[in-house]
């Protein structure tokens, strides 16, 4: 996994980056596996949830 500390801004419209932080079932991967700080994990989580609401990412996958 890429370290999210290298990202300056986590954007909900950047789906390619956000896909790295969700698993095959479209669940958000925990901080334990992503190796990011708690602050960045919250930003990733918020961005994934916004992208789901806007329709950029799926809520569930097959």
C-alpha atoms as a PDB file:
ATOM      1  CA  UNK A   1       0.000   0.000   0.000  1.00  0.00           C
ATOM      2  CA  UNK A   2       1.116   3.534  -0.619  1.00  0.00           C
ATOM      3  CA  UNK A   3       1.714   5.622   2.424  1.00  0.00           C
ATOM      4  CA  UNK A   4      -0.933   8.343   2.609  1.00  0.00           C
ATOM      5  CA  UNK A   5       1.504  10.701   4.313  1.00  0.00           C
ATOM      6  CA  UNK A   6       2.952  11.354   0.850  1.00  0.00           C
ATOM      7  CA  UNK A   7      -0.413  12.706  -0.302  1.00  0.00           C
ATOM      8  CA  UNK A   8      -0.879  16.421   0.175  1.00  0.00           C
ATOM      9  CA  UNK A   9      -4.645  16.365  -0.277  1.00  0.00           C
ATOM     10  CA  UNK A  10      -6.970  13.383  -0.320  1.00  0.00           C
ATOM     11  CA  UNK A  11      -9.688  14.161  -2.832  1.00  0.00           C
ATOM     12  CA  UNK A  12     -12.962  12.269  -3.148  1.00  0.00           C
ATOM     13  CA  UNK A  13     -12.866  12.738  -6.939  1.00  0.00           C
ATOM     14  CA  UNK A  14      -9.525  10.902  -7.242  1.00  0.00           C
ATOM     15  CA  UNK A  15     -10.990   7.411  -7.459  1.00  0.00           C
ATOM     16  CA  UNK A  16      -7.774   5.717  -8.575  1.00  0.00           C
ATOM     17  CA  UNK A  17      -6.077   6.687  -5.323  1.00  0.00           C
ATOM     18  CA  UNK A  18      -9.113   5.808  -3.202  1.00  0.00           C
ATOM     19  CA  UNK A  19      -9.380   2.351  -4.774  1.00  0.00           C
ATOM     20  CA  UNK A  20      -6.058   1.514  -3.117  1.00  0.00           C
ATOM     21  CA  UNK A  21      -7.730   1.920   0.264  1.00  0.00           C
ATOM     22  CA  UNK A  22     -10.775  -0.289  -0.313  1.00  0.00           C
ATOM     23  CA  UNK A  23     -10.705  -4.069  -0.568  1.00  0.00           C
ATOM     24  CA  UNK A  24     -12.362  -6.393  -3.094  1.00  0.00           C
ATOM     25  CA  UNK A  25     -15.703  -6.153  -1.302  1.00  0.00           C
ATOM     26  CA  UNK A  26     -15.553  -2.317  -1.428  1.00  0.00           C
ATOM     27  CA  UNK A  27     -14.910  -2.026   2.305  1.00  0.00           C
ATOM     28  CA  UNK A  28     -12.506   0.553   3.673  1.00  0.00           C
ATOM     29  CA  UNK A  29      -9.231  -1.107   4.675  1.00  0.00           C
ATOM     30  CA  UNK A  30      -8.232  -0.550   8.294  1.00  0.00           C
ATOM     31  CA  UNK A  31      -5.350   1.593   9.489  1.00  0.00           C
ATOM     32  CA  UNK A  32      -3.509  -1.544  10.535  1.00  0.00           C
ATOM     33  CA  UNK A  33      -3.075  -2.619   6.906  1.00  0.00           C
ATOM     34  CA  UNK A  34      -2.760   0.767   5.216  1.00  0.00           C
ATOM     35  CA  UNK A  35       0.008   1.908   7.593  1.00  0.00           C
ATOM     36  CA  UNK A  36      -1.235   5.504   7.667  1.00  0.00           C
ATOM     37  CA  UNK A  37      -1.690   7.856  10.565  1.00  0.00           C
ATOM     38  CA  UNK A  38      -5.039   8.179  12.302  1.00  0.00           C
ATOM     39  CA  UNK A  39      -5.556  11.661  10.851  1.00  0.00           C
ATOM     40  CA  UNK A  40      -4.977  10.476   7.282  1.00  0.00           C
ATOM     41  CA  UNK A  41      -7.129   7.388   7.838  1.00  0.00           C
ATOM     42  CA  UNK A  42     -10.014   9.660   8.839  1.00  0.00           C
ATOM     43  CA  UNK A  43      -9.457  11.754   5.706  1.00  0.00           C
ATOM     44  CA  UNK A  44      -9.391   8.627   3.540  1.00  0.00           C
ATOM     45  CA  UNK A  45     -12.550   7.335   5.186  1.00  0.00           C
ATOM     46  CA  UNK A  46     -14.363  10.621   4.658  1.00  0.00           C
ATOM     47  CA  UNK A  47     -13.228  10.816   1.023  1.00  0.00           C
ATOM     48  CA  UNK A  48     -14.369   7.240   0.316  1.00  0.00           C
ATOM     49  CA  UNK A  49     -17.759   7.920   1.874  1.00  0.00           C
ATOM     50  CA  UNK A  50     -18.191  11.103  -0.168  1.00  0.00           C
ATOM     51  CA  UNK A  51     -17.161   9.316  -3.361  1.00  0.00           C
ATOM     52  CA  UNK A  52     -19.719   6.589  -2.644  1.00  0.00           C
ATOM     53  CA  UNK A  53     -22.455   9.151  -2.058  1.00  0.00           C
ATOM     54  CA  UNK A  54     -21.597  10.976  -5.288  1.00  0.00           C
ATOM     55  CA  UNK A  55     -21.537   7.695  -7.225  1.00  0.00           C
ATOM     56  CA  UNK A  56     -17.820   7.580  -8.017  1.00  0.00           C
ATOM     57  CA  UNK A  57     -17.227   4.418  -5.957  1.00  0.00           C
ATOM     58  CA  UNK A  58     -19.559   1.484  -5.287  1.00  0.00           C
ATOM     59  CA  UNK A  59     -21.013   0.748  -1.866  1.00  0.00           C
ATOM     60  CA  UNK A  60     -20.628  -2.989  -2.463  1.00  0.00           C
ATOM     61  CA  UNK A  61     -19.095  -5.054  -5.241  1.00  0.00           C
ATOM     62  CA  UNK A  62     -19.923  -8.444  -6.643  1.00  0.00           C
END
